[in-house]
Amino acid sequence: HIGSHENGMKLILETSLVKDIIDMAESAMILSLRGTCIYIIGMMCKTSIGRREIQKYNWLFSKSQVASGAVSVCLPRDQSRLFRVQTGKFKGSITF
């Protein structure tokens, strides 16, 4: 939640955390982690600093939600980056 406030975003920008979160949103093997990162990016977009920062990584945010202060919907410009999922072989069993 720290990223949803201007002062918190200033602290976050002292690290590479925004890039790390965006990288996880685009490529984490665990899909629920991707969803959490997308939510975090939306929270960061509540601030002008956060909006400028995610635009550097080629992400878009909903401008209609900026005025209301709600968590913004954010997506990468190239949505194939977000929906690319590695496939694997099922190694379990269907028996209980």
Protein backbone atom coordinates (compact mmCIF):
# COMPACT_ATOMS: atom_id res chain seq x y z
CA HIS A 1 0.00 0.00 0.00
CA ILE A 2 2.97 2.31 0.38
CA GLY A 3 3.04 2.83 -3.39
CA SER A 4 -0.43 4.36 -3.41
CA HIS A 5 0.92 7.60 -1.87
CA GLU A 6 3.37 10.14 -3.32
CA ASN A 7 5.88 9.86 -0.47
CA GLY A 8 5.77 6.07 -0.62
CA MET A 9 6.43 6.14 -4.36
CA LYS A 10 9.47 8.34 -3.73
CA LEU A 11 10.85 5.63 -1.43
CA ILE A 12 10.04 2.88 -3.93
CA LEU A 13 11.85 4.74 -6.71
CA GLU A 14 15.08 4.56 -4.70
CA THR A 15 15.12 0.84 -5.59
CA SER A 16 14.40 -1.18 -8.74
CA LEU A 17 11.12 -2.37 -7.21
CA VAL A 18 8.83 -1.00 -9.95
CA LYS A 19 10.76 -2.85 -12.65
CA ASP A 20 10.80 -6.01 -10.54
CA ILE A 21 7.02 -5.85 -10.03
CA ILE A 22 6.42 -5.25 -13.73
CA ASP A 23 8.72 -8.15 -14.62
CA MET A 24 6.79 -10.44 -12.25
CA ALA A 25 3.45 -9.23 -13.66
CA GLU A 26 4.60 -10.19 -17.13
CA SER A 27 6.47 -13.42 -16.51
CA ALA A 28 5.83 -15.04 -13.11
CA MET A 29 5.13 -18.77 -13.39
CA ILE A 30 2.47 -18.49 -10.66
CA LEU A 31 -0.51 -16.72 -12.20
CA SER A 32 -1.92 -15.47 -8.90
CA LEU A 33 1.41 -13.68 -8.36
CA ARG A 34 0.95 -11.98 -11.72
CA GLY A 35 -2.52 -10.84 -10.64
CA THR A 36 -1.17 -9.47 -7.37
CA CYS A 37 1.52 -7.54 -9.24
CA ILE A 38 -1.07 -6.08 -11.62
CA TYR A 39 -3.08 -4.92 -8.59
CA ILE A 40 0.07 -3.35 -7.08
CA ILE A 41 0.79 -1.53 -10.34
CA GLY A 42 -2.77 -0.19 -10.25
CA MET A 43 -2.24 1.08 -6.71
CA MET A 44 0.97 2.84 -7.77
CA CYS A 45 -1.00 4.58 -10.53
CA LYS A 46 -3.02 6.42 -7.90
CA THR A 47 -0.01 8.79 -7.78
CA SER A 48 1.38 10.97 -10.56
CA ILE A 49 4.86 9.60 -9.83
CA GLY A 50 3.61 6.03 -10.21
CA ARG A 51 1.83 6.81 -13.49
CA ARG A 52 4.98 8.36 -14.95
CA GLU A 53 7.05 5.41 -13.78
CA ILE A 54 4.89 2.66 -15.28
CA GLN A 55 4.75 4.52 -18.58
CA LYS A 56 8.54 4.16 -18.77
CA TYR A 57 7.99 0.40 -18.93
CA ASN A 58 5.38 0.72 -21.70
CA TRP A 59 2.30 0.16 -19.54
CA LEU A 60 -1.03 1.99 -19.79
CA PHE A 61 -3.43 3.05 -17.06
CA SER A 62 -7.10 4.07 -17.04
CA LYS A 63 -7.22 7.86 -16.99
CA SER A 64 -10.89 7.88 -15.99
CA GLN A 65 -10.04 6.36 -12.61
CA VAL A 66 -7.22 8.79 -11.87
CA ALA A 67 -9.62 11.61 -10.98
CA SER A 68 -11.65 9.42 -8.62
CA GLY A 69 -8.59 8.17 -6.73
CA ALA A 70 -9.63 4.55 -7.30
CA VAL A 71 -7.13 1.81 -8.06
CA SER A 72 -6.45 2.07 -11.76
CA VAL A 73 -6.67 -0.69 -14.32
CA CYS A 74 -3.23 -1.11 -15.85
CA LEU A 75 -2.03 -3.22 -18.76
CA PRO A 76 1.10 -3.40 -20.90
CA ARG A 77 0.80 -1.84 -24.36
CA ASP A 78 1.85 -5.20 -25.80
CA GLN A 79 -0.71 -7.41 -24.06
CA SER A 80 0.91 -10.58 -25.38
CA ARG A 81 3.62 -9.98 -22.74
CA LEU A 82 1.02 -10.31 -20.01
CA PHE A 83 -0.81 -13.35 -21.33
CA ARG A 84 2.20 -15.46 -22.31
CA VAL A 85 2.17 -18.60 -20.19
CA GLN A 86 4.70 -21.42 -20.38
CA THR A 87 3.18 -24.82 -20.79
CA GLY A 88 4.43 -27.90 -19.07
CA LYS A 89 3.67 -31.56 -18.71
CA PHE A 90 1.34 -32.67 -15.94
CA LYS A 91 3.37 -34.85 -13.59
CA GLY A 92 0.65 -35.69 -11.12
CA SER A 93 -2.01 -38.34 -11.04
CA ILE A 94 -5.75 -38.18 -11.63
CA THR A 95 -6.36 -40.77 -8.94
CA PHE A 96 -7.11 -39.69 -5.39
